[in-house]
Structures are given as C-alpha cells and as structure tokens.
Amino acid sequence: MATRDSPAPVLKWAGGKRQLMEEICRRLPETIATYYEPFVGGAAVFFQLAHEKRFERAVLADRNADLIAVYRALQGDADKVIDLLSDEPYADNSEKTYYEIRALKPRKLAEKAARFIYLNKTGYNGLHRVNSRGEFNVPFGRYAKPNICDTPRLLAAARALQDVRLVVADFEDVCREARKGDAVYLDPPYLPVSRTANFAAYHSERFGVDEHERLSRAFGDLSRRGVSALLSNSDTEDTRRIFGQFTVEEVSAARAINSNAAGRGKVSEILVSAADVRAKRNGKKK
C-alpha cells in the first residue's frame, strides 16, 4: 500500500499515468532485470515500480535536458533543492516573481531543478512548453496555494532515484541497450487527436508521424530481441496504423491538462504490447 513516504511524481506532467497505472503495471513483468523508460516525463510508472520493488536496475531518459536535470539534482542533493524551494524567491507565488524566475538561466544543477519545479507548480495548467529557441514560455497559473515545496515527496523521490542511471538521449539509443529479461515502457509525446489538439510540442523538437514510425520500428526490434515492451499513445487512425502490427488495446483515461476545457475528461487511449510480429505477418494466430 502506498504511503506518504512512497515515491511518487514530483512534477505535474501532461499525459501523466496515474489514471492508467493499474492497466500499465499489470502488463509489465513482475520481475525485471533493468527497467527502461526512454520518455520519462513525470516518471509515474517508474515510481510505482520502484515502490513495488519490481526491478533490479533502472535507466530513465528523455530528450529534455532540463527535466533530467531535476532528477539528477534530487538524486545528488535533494536537501539543496528543498532549501532553495523553501526560501525566497521560490517561496513567493506572485505573478511578478513568476516571470522573474521564468527569465532566469541558472547554471548550477540544484538551481536549475528548483526553477523547473517552481515553474511547473505555478505555471498555467502545469504545462511544460518551450518556444523554438528552447525557452520556457508558459504563462503564470494564478493558483491560490500551490504546493511548491513538497518536502516528503521530494525526499521519497530522491530515495527512489538513488543508483538509477539518468541520461539525456534519444529513445532509439536507449532501446538498443535492452536485453531479454529487461522491460521498456514508452510514453512518447502523443500524436494529436485533432488538428487543434497538439500535445507533442513539449520541447523545441517536434514529435510527429515520422518519429512515431521510427518508434514503431524500435518497438518491433525490442520484440524480436525478446524484450518486454509496452507503449502508450493516443487512440487515432494514425497510431492504429503505425502500431497495428502489435497488440493494440483501447483504454480510457481522465485527462485534466488541456487548454480547452471541453477537451478535458475521459478520453480513449491505446496500450501497445509486443505480440509475435513474425506470426502476424505470416497470417498466423498467436
């Protein structure tokens, strides 16, 4: 049973997996040699598996260097991050302070992490969005009492992150490391469900159809090598076409992070698992 001291996400993250945690975890092995998460985001699945002691080792990766810096800072000196968040200017939830902190370009790891966490907790809708120059550009969120420094949660996350390998890398490079007995959970920036709903632009590099097709090839390679692999995505015509050679299951999740209130609520998503690709291609049943 999870407690206040159990590891849990320290960041709000669009597409977070709390709603689908049971569905995801039951599709992953009970015993994992090395657990890989190439699109770590808020790391909800990692923290749950860590709580359940399901893996021996873990590798968490993302192309977002600022995000990985948060986890590295917590891993290396969580007390320093907590001290920064507990004091001025980070303890101030005013609009003026928000934009002052947003304009900062800290160099020290703990300061980078504190800035990232502060903006995540106080920015609009918990979004992480950057412009073409890689500059964070989410407006002030106007929350009455955001929990900017959740000390017990930060410390629990820091404990879970000890001995974890944290890398800034492309998913393909990370997936190449996995071997039989390992497990890989892939939670990429989703393909948009419509022309106006785009949840792929969380950093300066777009993750569109071409990238998802490359991801499908990497997923197939994992399957052929006998690696347990699971992938989440939006339920669209494109995703069903791109990942249709695998086992695709529809699931329902509540989504609160959406700039359009009409777009919030229950949505259909898919979980993709590695079936026997060769058998499907030969028209045989598994």
C-alpha atoms as a PDB file:
ATOM      1  CA  MET A   1       0.000   0.000   0.000  1.00  0.00           C
ATOM      2  CA  ALA A   2       1.316   3.445  -0.932  1.00  0.00           C
ATOM      3  CA  THR A   3       2.029   5.829   1.927  1.00  0.00           C
ATOM      4  CA  ARG A   4       3.121   9.456   2.237  1.00  0.00           C
ATOM      5  CA  ASP A   5       6.710   8.195   2.152  1.00  0.00           C
ATOM      6  CA  SER A   6       6.171   6.146  -1.008  1.00  0.00           C
ATOM      7  CA  PRO A   7       7.840   7.517  -4.158  1.00  0.00           C
ATOM      8  CA  ALA A   8       5.510   9.462  -6.437  1.00  0.00           C
ATOM      9  CA  PRO A   9       5.829  12.079  -9.199  1.00  0.00           C
ATOM     10  CA  VAL A  10       7.196  15.436  -8.065  1.00  0.00           C
ATOM     11  CA  LEU A  11       6.083  17.219 -11.237  1.00  0.00           C
ATOM     12  CA  LYS A  12       2.796  17.787 -12.997  1.00  0.00           C
ATOM     13  CA  TRP A  13       3.099  16.328 -16.469  1.00  0.00           C
ATOM     14  CA  ALA A  14       0.695  16.310 -19.389  1.00  0.00           C
ATOM     15  CA  GLY A  15      -0.347  12.744 -20.104  1.00  0.00           C
ATOM     16  CA  GLY A  16       0.615  11.563 -16.614  1.00  0.00           C
ATOM     17  CA  LYS A  17      -0.149   7.918 -16.000  1.00  0.00           C
ATOM     18  CA  ARG A  18      -1.910   7.820 -12.623  1.00  0.00           C
ATOM     19  CA  GLN A  19      -5.233   7.033 -14.310  1.00  0.00           C
ATOM     20  CA  LEU A  20      -3.767   4.072 -16.197  1.00  0.00           C
ATOM     21  CA  MET A  21      -1.304   2.820 -13.604  1.00  0.00           C
ATOM     22  CA  GLU A  22      -3.057  -0.470 -12.878  1.00  0.00           C
ATOM     23  CA  GLU A  23      -3.513  -1.204 -16.593  1.00  0.00           C
ATOM     24  CA  ILE A  24       0.145  -0.439 -17.320  1.00  0.00           C
ATOM     25  CA  CYS A  25       1.705  -2.256 -14.385  1.00  0.00           C
ATOM     26  CA  ARG A  26      -0.196  -5.486 -14.944  1.00  0.00           C
ATOM     27  CA  ARG A  27       1.155  -5.610 -18.491  1.00  0.00           C
ATOM     28  CA  LEU A  28       4.760  -5.346 -17.300  1.00  0.00           C
ATOM     29  CA  PRO A  29       6.721  -8.314 -15.867  1.00  0.00           C
ATOM     30  CA  GLU A  30       6.633  -8.981 -12.153  1.00  0.00           C
ATOM     31  CA  THR A  31      10.417  -9.323 -12.120  1.00  0.00           C
ATOM     32  CA  ILE A  32      12.553  -7.019 -14.269  1.00  0.00           C
ATOM     33  CA  ALA A  33      16.344  -7.037 -14.571  1.00  0.00           C
ATOM     34  CA  THR A  34      16.716  -3.490 -15.945  1.00  0.00           C
ATOM     35  CA  TYR A  35      13.738  -1.196 -16.358  1.00  0.00           C
ATOM     36  CA  TYR A  36      13.997   1.416 -19.122  1.00  0.00           C
ATOM     37  CA  GLU A  37      11.815   4.481 -19.534  1.00  0.00           C
ATOM     38  CA  PRO A  38      13.025   6.469 -22.583  1.00  0.00           C
ATOM     39  CA  PHE A  39      10.337   9.202 -22.291  1.00  0.00           C
ATOM     40  CA  VAL A  40      10.447   9.619 -18.540  1.00  0.00           C
ATOM     41  CA  GLY A  41       8.269  12.756 -18.140  1.00  0.00           C
ATOM     42  CA  GLY A  42       6.771  12.735 -14.652  1.00  0.00           C
ATOM     43  CA  ALA A  43       8.117   9.181 -14.062  1.00  0.00           C
ATOM     44  CA  ALA A  44       4.865   7.910 -12.533  1.00  0.00           C
ATOM     45  CA  VAL A  45       5.355   4.333 -13.763  1.00  0.00           C
ATOM     46  CA  PHE A  46       8.971   4.268 -12.573  1.00  0.00           C
ATOM     47  CA  PHE A  47       7.986   5.435  -9.093  1.00  0.00           C
ATOM     48  CA  GLN A  48       5.217   2.837  -8.867  1.00  0.00           C
ATOM     49  CA  LEU A  49       7.510   0.003  -9.960  1.00  0.00           C
ATOM     50  CA  ALA A  50      10.170   1.243  -7.530  1.00  0.00           C
ATOM     51  CA  HIS A  51       7.599   1.173  -4.728  1.00  0.00           C
ATOM     52  CA  GLU A  52       6.715  -2.407  -5.681  1.00  0.00           C
ATOM     53  CA  LYS A  53      10.412  -3.353  -5.980  1.00  0.00           C
ATOM     54  CA  ARG A  54       9.807  -4.804  -9.441  1.00  0.00           C
ATOM     55  CA  PHE A  55      13.250  -4.139 -10.972  1.00  0.00           C
ATOM     56  CA  GLU A  56      16.930  -4.599 -10.086  1.00  0.00           C
ATOM     57  CA  ARG A  57      18.190  -1.572 -12.029  1.00  0.00           C
ATOM     58  CA  ALA A  58      16.613   1.354 -13.879  1.00  0.00           C
ATOM     59  CA  VAL A  59      17.546   3.690 -16.710  1.00  0.00           C
ATOM     60  CA  LEU A  60      15.464   6.850 -17.098  1.00  0.00           C
ATOM     61  CA  ALA A  61      15.914   9.016 -20.174  1.00  0.00           C
ATOM     62  CA  ASP A  62      14.452  11.962 -22.015  1.00  0.00           C
ATOM     63  CA  ARG A  63      15.480  14.436 -24.713  1.00  0.00           C
ATOM     64  CA  ASN A  64      14.505  17.233 -22.319  1.00  0.00           C
ATOM     65  CA  ALA A  65      17.793  18.053 -20.571  1.00  0.00           C
ATOM     66  CA  ASP A  66      16.089  20.397 -18.078  1.00  0.00           C
ATOM     67  CA  LEU A  67      13.793  17.595 -16.959  1.00  0.00           C
ATOM     68  CA  ILE A  68      16.660  15.154 -16.475  1.00  0.00           C
ATOM     69  CA  ALA A  69      18.470  17.873 -14.507  1.00  0.00           C
ATOM     70  CA  VAL A  70      15.622  17.821 -11.955  1.00  0.00           C
ATOM     71  CA  TYR A  71      16.049  14.104 -11.345  1.00  0.00           C
ATOM     72  CA  ARG A  72      19.836  14.381 -11.235  1.00  0.00           C
ATOM     73  CA  ALA A  73      19.616  17.185  -8.681  1.00  0.00           C
ATOM     74  CA  LEU A  74      17.235  15.191  -6.470  1.00  0.00           C
ATOM     75  CA  GLN A  75      19.445  12.133  -6.813  1.00  0.00           C
ATOM     76  CA  GLY A  76      22.585  14.047  -5.899  1.00  0.00           C
ATOM     77  CA  ASP A  77      21.464  16.624  -3.333  1.00  0.00           C
ATOM     78  CA  ALA A  78      17.736  16.744  -2.637  1.00  0.00           C
ATOM     79  CA  ASP A  79      18.321  18.798   0.518  1.00  0.00           C
ATOM     80  CA  LYS A  80      19.811  21.613  -1.534  1.00  0.00           C
ATOM     81  CA  VAL A  81      16.813  21.654  -3.887  1.00  0.00           C
ATOM     82  CA  ILE A  82      14.449  21.702  -0.899  1.00  0.00           C
ATOM     83  CA  ASP A  83      16.383  24.555   0.738  1.00  0.00           C
ATOM     84  CA  LEU A  84      16.089  26.632  -2.433  1.00  0.00           C
ATOM     85  CA  LEU A  85      12.367  25.962  -2.850  1.00  0.00           C
ATOM     86  CA  SER A  86      11.710  26.788   0.806  1.00  0.00           C
ATOM     87  CA  ASP A  87      13.217  30.263   0.597  1.00  0.00           C
ATOM     88  CA  GLU A  88      12.844  33.430  -1.461  1.00  0.00           C
ATOM     89  CA  PRO A  89      12.297  33.922  -4.307  1.00  0.00           C
ATOM     90  CA  TYR A  90      10.844  30.415  -4.850  1.00  0.00           C
ATOM     91  CA  ALA A  91       8.553  30.584  -1.833  1.00  0.00           C
ATOM     92  CA  ASP A  92       6.716  33.538  -3.410  1.00  0.00           C
ATOM     93  CA  ASN A  93       3.727  32.720  -5.618  1.00  0.00           C
ATOM     94  CA  SER A  94       3.232  36.193  -7.104  1.00  0.00           C
ATOM     95  CA  GLU A  95       2.923  36.911 -10.800  1.00  0.00           C
ATOM     96  CA  LYS A  96       5.874  39.293 -10.673  1.00  0.00           C
ATOM     97  CA  THR A  97       8.130  36.667  -9.107  1.00  0.00           C
ATOM     98  CA  TYR A  98       6.926  34.020 -11.545  1.00  0.00           C
ATOM     99  CA  TYR A  99       8.081  35.992 -14.577  1.00  0.00           C
ATOM    100  CA  GLU A 100      11.346  36.948 -12.871  1.00  0.00           C
ATOM    101  CA  ILE A 101      12.107  33.287 -12.203  1.00  0.00           C
ATOM    102  CA  ARG A 102      10.957  32.309 -15.682  1.00  0.00           C
ATOM    103  CA  ALA A 103      13.569  34.718 -17.102  1.00  0.00           C
ATOM    104  CA  LEU A 104      16.421  33.193 -15.062  1.00  0.00           C
ATOM    105  CA  LYS A 105      19.055  30.983 -16.679  1.00  0.00           C
ATOM    106  CA  PRO A 106      20.696  29.212 -13.736  1.00  0.00           C
ATOM    107  CA  ARG A 107      23.866  27.179 -14.248  1.00  0.00           C
ATOM    108  CA  LYS A 108      24.090  25.158 -11.034  1.00  0.00           C
ATOM    109  CA  LEU A 109      22.203  21.860 -11.053  1.00  0.00           C
ATOM    110  CA  ALA A 110      20.169  22.444  -7.872  1.00  0.00           C
ATOM    111  CA  GLU A 111      19.167  25.926  -9.064  1.00  0.00           C
ATOM    112  CA  LYS A 112      18.065  24.543 -12.427  1.00  0.00           C
ATOM    113  CA  ALA A 113      15.949  21.947 -10.644  1.00  0.00           C
ATOM    114  CA  ALA A 114      14.383  24.462  -8.240  1.00  0.00           C
ATOM    115  CA  ARG A 115      13.464  26.784 -11.119  1.00  0.00           C
ATOM    116  CA  PHE A 116      11.953  23.914 -13.100  1.00  0.00           C
ATOM    117  CA  ILE A 117       9.879  22.664 -10.157  1.00  0.00           C
ATOM    118  CA  TYR A 118       8.721  26.185  -9.266  1.00  0.00           C
ATOM    119  CA  LEU A 119       7.563  26.925 -12.819  1.00  0.00           C
ATOM    120  CA  ASN A 120       5.895  23.531 -13.042  1.00  0.00           C
ATOM    121  CA  LYS A 121       3.923  24.130  -9.829  1.00  0.00           C
ATOM    122  CA  THR A 122       2.961  27.743 -10.516  1.00  0.00           C
ATOM    123  CA  GLY A 123       2.673  27.914 -14.311  1.00  0.00           C
ATOM    124  CA  TYR A 124      -0.610  27.656 -16.202  1.00  0.00           C
ATOM    125  CA  ASN A 125      -2.179  24.186 -16.050  1.00  0.00           C
ATOM    126  CA  GLY A 126       1.107  22.517 -15.094  1.00  0.00           C
ATOM    127  CA  LEU A 127       2.251  22.657 -18.710  1.00  0.00           C
ATOM    128  CA  HIS A 128       5.826  22.443 -19.869  1.00  0.00           C
ATOM    129  CA  ARG A 129       6.085  24.235 -23.189  1.00  0.00           C
ATOM    130  CA  VAL A 130       9.001  25.945 -24.891  1.00  0.00           C
ATOM    131  CA  ASN A 131       9.399  28.089 -27.972  1.00  0.00           C
ATOM    132  CA  SER A 132      11.621  27.378 -30.994  1.00  0.00           C
ATOM    133  CA  ARG A 133      14.647  28.669 -29.069  1.00  0.00           C
ATOM    134  CA  GLY A 134      14.001  26.235 -26.226  1.00  0.00           C
ATOM    135  CA  GLU A 135      12.810  28.967 -23.843  1.00  0.00           C
ATOM    136  CA  PHE A 136      10.051  28.124 -21.386  1.00  0.00           C
ATOM    137  CA  ASN A 137       7.022  30.272 -22.302  1.00  0.00           C
ATOM    138  CA  VAL A 138       4.078  29.087 -20.190  1.00  0.00           C
ATOM    139  CA  PRO A 139       2.156  31.985 -18.550  1.00  0.00           C
ATOM    140  CA  PHE A 140       1.502  32.424 -14.830  1.00  0.00           C
ATOM    141  CA  GLY A 141      -1.039  29.949 -13.428  1.00  0.00           C
ATOM    142  CA  ARG A 142      -2.759  32.051 -10.737  1.00  0.00           C
ATOM    143  CA  TYR A 143      -3.049  29.224  -8.194  1.00  0.00           C
ATOM    144  CA  ALA A 144      -4.092  30.294  -4.704  1.00  0.00           C
ATOM    145  CA  LYS A 145      -1.810  27.972  -2.698  1.00  0.00           C
ATOM    146  CA  PRO A 146       0.400  25.772  -4.898  1.00  0.00           C
ATOM    147  CA  ASN A 147       2.473  23.230  -3.009  1.00  0.00           C
ATOM    148  CA  ILE A 148       5.792  24.484  -4.375  1.00  0.00           C
ATOM    149  CA  CYS A 149       7.999  22.569  -1.937  1.00  0.00           C
ATOM    150  CA  ASP A 150       6.514  19.172  -1.063  1.00  0.00           C
ATOM    151  CA  THR A 151       9.398  18.019   1.115  1.00  0.00           C
ATOM    152  CA  PRO A 152       8.227  14.451   1.923  1.00  0.00           C
ATOM    153  CA  ARG A 153       7.508  13.777  -1.760  1.00  0.00           C
ATOM    154  CA  LEU A 154      10.828  15.224  -2.903  1.00  0.00           C
ATOM    155  CA  LEU A 155      12.738  13.122  -0.378  1.00  0.00           C
ATOM    156  CA  ALA A 156      10.828   9.955  -1.303  1.00  0.00           C
ATOM    157  CA  ALA A 157      11.589  10.567  -4.971  1.00  0.00           C
ATOM    158  CA  ALA A 158      15.256  11.163  -4.147  1.00  0.00           C
ATOM    159  CA  ARG A 159      15.455   7.812  -2.357  1.00  0.00           C
ATOM    160  CA  ALA A 160      13.904   6.015  -5.338  1.00  0.00           C
ATOM    161  CA  LEU A 161      16.346   7.708  -7.728  1.00  0.00           C
ATOM    162  CA  GLN A 162      19.481   6.516  -5.940  1.00  0.00           C
ATOM    163  CA  ASP A 163      21.590   4.284  -8.235  1.00  0.00           C
ATOM    164  CA  VAL A 164      19.290   4.998 -11.195  1.00  0.00           C
ATOM    165  CA  ARG A 165      21.060   5.922 -14.438  1.00  0.00           C
ATOM    166  CA  LEU A 166      19.723   9.223 -15.789  1.00  0.00           C
ATOM    167  CA  VAL A 167      20.522  10.132 -19.382  1.00  0.00           C
ATOM    168  CA  VAL A 168      19.642  12.762 -21.968  1.00  0.00           C
ATOM    169  CA  ALA A 169      19.209  10.606 -25.045  1.00  0.00           C
ATOM    170  CA  ASP A 170      17.054   9.676 -27.993  1.00  0.00           C
ATOM    171  CA  PHE A 171      14.654   6.794 -27.352  1.00  0.00           C
ATOM    172  CA  GLU A 172      16.276   4.662 -30.066  1.00  0.00           C
ATOM    173  CA  ASP A 173      19.670   4.791 -28.368  1.00  0.00           C
ATOM    174  CA  VAL A 174      18.100   3.822 -25.048  1.00  0.00           C
ATOM    175  CA  CYS A 175      16.095   0.943 -26.507  1.00  0.00           C
ATOM    176  CA  ARG A 176      19.218  -0.571 -28.103  1.00  0.00           C
ATOM    177  CA  GLU A 177      20.577  -1.333 -24.625  1.00  0.00           C
ATOM    178  CA  ALA A 178      17.649  -3.514 -23.527  1.00  0.00           C
ATOM    179  CA  ARG A 179      18.049  -7.279 -23.425  1.00  0.00           C
ATOM    180  CA  LYS A 180      15.852 -10.271 -22.678  1.00  0.00           C
ATOM    181  CA  GLY A 181      14.785 -10.080 -19.050  1.00  0.00           C
ATOM    182  CA  ASP A 182      14.555  -6.285 -19.203  1.00  0.00           C
ATOM    183  CA  ALA A 183      11.403  -4.214 -19.680  1.00  0.00           C
ATOM    184  CA  VAL A 184      10.843  -0.984 -21.595  1.00  0.00           C
ATOM    185  CA  TYR A 185       7.892   1.341 -21.096  1.00  0.00           C
ATOM    186  CA  LEU A 186       7.500   4.000 -23.790  1.00  0.00           C
ATOM    187  CA  ASP A 187       5.293   7.023 -23.210  1.00  0.00           C
ATOM    188  CA  PRO A 188       6.093   9.332 -26.152  1.00  0.00           C
ATOM    189  CA  PRO A 189       4.552  12.726 -26.855  1.00  0.00           C
ATOM    190  CA  TYR A 190       1.161  11.631 -28.167  1.00  0.00           C
ATOM    191  CA  LEU A 191       0.007  12.172 -31.696  1.00  0.00           C
ATOM    192  CA  PRO A 192      -2.779  14.811 -31.608  1.00  0.00           C
ATOM    193  CA  VAL A 193      -6.347  13.546 -31.739  1.00  0.00           C
ATOM    194  CA  SER A 194      -7.325  16.522 -33.917  1.00  0.00           C
ATOM    195  CA  ARG A 195      -5.729  19.388 -35.805  1.00  0.00           C
ATOM    196  CA  THR A 196      -6.313  21.750 -32.879  1.00  0.00           C
ATOM    197  CA  ALA A 197      -5.186  19.386 -30.088  1.00  0.00           C
ATOM    198  CA  ASN A 198      -1.420  19.047 -30.119  1.00  0.00           C
ATOM    199  CA  PHE A 199       0.279  17.539 -27.090  1.00  0.00           C
ATOM    200  CA  ALA A 200       3.551  16.793 -28.905  1.00  0.00           C
ATOM    201  CA  ALA A 201       5.237  20.188 -28.541  1.00  0.00           C
ATOM    202  CA  TYR A 202       6.672  19.997 -25.011  1.00  0.00           C
ATOM    203  CA  HIS A 203      10.161  20.869 -26.201  1.00  0.00           C
ATOM    204  CA  SER A 204      11.723  22.572 -29.190  1.00  0.00           C
ATOM    205  CA  GLU A 205      11.740  19.406 -31.324  1.00  0.00           C
ATOM    206  CA  ARG A 206       8.510  18.196 -32.869  1.00  0.00           C
ATOM    207  CA  PHE A 207       7.485  14.569 -32.374  1.00  0.00           C
ATOM    208  CA  GLY A 208       5.194  13.828 -35.292  1.00  0.00           C
ATOM    209  CA  VAL A 209       4.170  10.929 -37.517  1.00  0.00           C
ATOM    210  CA  ASP A 210       7.706  10.291 -38.821  1.00  0.00           C
ATOM    211  CA  GLU A 211       9.025   9.988 -35.262  1.00  0.00           C
ATOM    212  CA  HIS A 212       6.221   7.625 -34.293  1.00  0.00           C
ATOM    213  CA  GLU A 213       7.013   5.455 -37.283  1.00  0.00           C
ATOM    214  CA  ARG A 214      10.639   5.365 -36.150  1.00  0.00           C
ATOM    215  CA  LEU A 215       9.369   4.465 -32.684  1.00  0.00           C
ATOM    216  CA  SER A 216       7.329   1.605 -34.157  1.00  0.00           C
ATOM    217  CA  ARG A 217      10.474   0.193 -35.773  1.00  0.00           C
ATOM    218  CA  ALA A 218      12.341   0.405 -32.467  1.00  0.00           C
ATOM    219  CA  PHE A 219       9.397  -1.288 -30.736  1.00  0.00           C
ATOM    220  CA  GLY A 220       9.473  -4.117 -33.259  1.00  0.00           C
ATOM    221  CA  ASP A 221      13.197  -4.531 -32.688  1.00  0.00           C
ATOM    222  CA  LEU A 222      12.603  -4.856 -28.940  1.00  0.00           C
ATOM    223  CA  SER A 223      10.002  -7.534 -29.587  1.00  0.00           C
ATOM    224  CA  ARG A 224      12.282  -9.527 -31.871  1.00  0.00           C
ATOM    225  CA  ARG A 225      15.026  -9.440 -29.214  1.00  0.00           C
ATOM    226  CA  GLY A 226      12.626 -10.844 -26.616  1.00  0.00           C
ATOM    227  CA  VAL A 227      12.439  -7.649 -24.550  1.00  0.00           C
ATOM    228  CA  SER A 228       9.167  -6.984 -22.737  1.00  0.00           C
ATOM    229  CA  ALA A 229       7.894  -3.707 -24.214  1.00  0.00           C
ATOM    230  CA  LEU A 230       4.804  -1.596 -23.604  1.00  0.00           C
ATOM    231  CA  LEU A 231       3.810   1.693 -25.209  1.00  0.00           C
ATOM    232  CA  SER A 232       1.099   4.298 -24.570  1.00  0.00           C
ATOM    233  CA  ASN A 233      -0.386   6.633 -27.160  1.00  0.00           C
ATOM    234  CA  SER A 234      -3.495   8.470 -28.264  1.00  0.00           C
ATOM    235  CA  ASP A 235      -6.203   6.437 -29.985  1.00  0.00           C
ATOM    236  CA  THR A 236      -6.181   7.774 -33.548  1.00  0.00           C
ATOM    237  CA  GLU A 237      -6.277   6.442 -37.071  1.00  0.00           C
ATOM    238  CA  ASP A 238      -2.566   7.184 -37.424  1.00  0.00           C
ATOM    239  CA  THR A 239      -1.497   5.439 -34.216  1.00  0.00           C
ATOM    240  CA  ARG A 240      -3.555   2.337 -35.026  1.00  0.00           C
ATOM    241  CA  ARG A 241      -1.963   2.237 -38.478  1.00  0.00           C
ATOM    242  CA  ILE A 242       1.577   2.818 -37.202  1.00  0.00           C
ATOM    243  CA  PHE A 243       1.387   0.288 -34.351  1.00  0.00           C
ATOM    244  CA  GLY A 244      -1.172  -2.079 -35.891  1.00  0.00           C
ATOM    245  CA  GLN A 245       1.326  -4.944 -36.270  1.00  0.00           C
ATOM    246  CA  PHE A 246       1.420  -5.253 -32.493  1.00  0.00           C
ATOM    247  CA  THR A 247      -1.276  -5.962 -29.911  1.00  0.00           C
ATOM    248  CA  VAL A 248      -3.277  -2.737 -29.523  1.00  0.00           C
ATOM    249  CA  GLU A 249      -5.729  -2.396 -26.615  1.00  0.00           C
ATOM    250  CA  GLU A 250      -8.076   0.528 -26.031  1.00  0.00           C
ATOM    251  CA  VAL A 251      -8.190   2.007 -22.527  1.00  0.00           C
ATOM    252  CA  SER A 252      -9.929   5.020 -21.025  1.00  0.00           C
ATOM    253  CA  ALA A 253      -8.153   7.765 -19.077  1.00  0.00           C
ATOM    254  CA  ALA A 254      -9.193  11.053 -17.460  1.00  0.00           C
ATOM    255  CA  ARG A 255      -7.198  13.966 -18.812  1.00  0.00           C
ATOM    256  CA  ALA A 256      -7.173  17.301 -16.951  1.00  0.00           C
ATOM    257  CA  ILE A 257      -4.338  19.124 -18.756  1.00  0.00           C
ATOM    258  CA  ASN A 258      -5.914  20.735 -21.778  1.00  0.00           C
ATOM    259  CA  SER A 259      -6.074  24.405 -22.723  1.00  0.00           C
ATOM    260  CA  ASN A 260      -9.650  23.857 -23.855  1.00  0.00           C
ATOM    261  CA  ALA A 261     -11.986  22.871 -21.003  1.00  0.00           C
ATOM    262  CA  ALA A 262     -14.182  20.973 -23.472  1.00  0.00           C
ATOM    263  CA  GLY A 263     -11.229  18.700 -24.169  1.00  0.00           C
ATOM    264  CA  ARG A 264     -10.877  17.585 -20.553  1.00  0.00           C
ATOM    265  CA  GLY A 265     -12.379  14.425 -19.129  1.00  0.00           C
ATOM    266  CA  LYS A 266     -12.402  10.780 -20.248  1.00  0.00           C
ATOM    267  CA  VAL A 267     -10.516  10.065 -23.448  1.00  0.00           C
ATOM    268  CA  SER A 268      -9.694   6.892 -25.326  1.00  0.00           C
ATOM    269  CA  GLU A 269      -6.024   5.892 -25.440  1.00  0.00           C
ATOM    270  CA  ILE A 270      -4.184   2.772 -26.542  1.00  0.00           C
ATOM    271  CA  LEU A 271      -1.673   0.467 -24.886  1.00  0.00           C
ATOM    272  CA  VAL A 272       0.562  -1.352 -27.338  1.00  0.00           C
ATOM    273  CA  SER A 273       2.327  -4.563 -26.375  1.00  0.00           C
ATOM    274  CA  ALA A 274       4.790  -6.659 -28.324  1.00  0.00           C
ATOM    275  CA  ALA A 275       2.997  -9.580 -29.941  1.00  0.00           C
ATOM    276  CA  ASP A 276       4.768 -12.076 -32.184  1.00  0.00           C
ATOM    277  CA  VAL A 277       5.315  -9.802 -35.161  1.00  0.00           C
ATOM    278  CA  ARG A 278       6.502 -12.572 -37.440  1.00  0.00           C
ATOM    279  CA  ALA A 279       3.411 -14.693 -36.746  1.00  0.00           C
ATOM    280  CA  LYS A 280       1.119 -11.763 -37.545  1.00  0.00           C
ATOM    281  CA  ARG A 281       2.959 -11.105 -40.794  1.00  0.00           C
ATOM    282  CA  ASN A 282       2.526 -14.740 -41.787  1.00  0.00           C
ATOM    283  CA  GLY A 283      -1.194 -14.553 -41.050  1.00  0.00           C
ATOM    284  CA  LYS A 284      -0.987 -16.945 -38.124  1.00  0.00           C
ATOM    285  CA  LYS A 285      -2.666 -16.595 -34.759  1.00  0.00           C
ATOM    286  CA  LYS A 286      -0.513 -16.178 -31.735  1.00  0.00           C
END
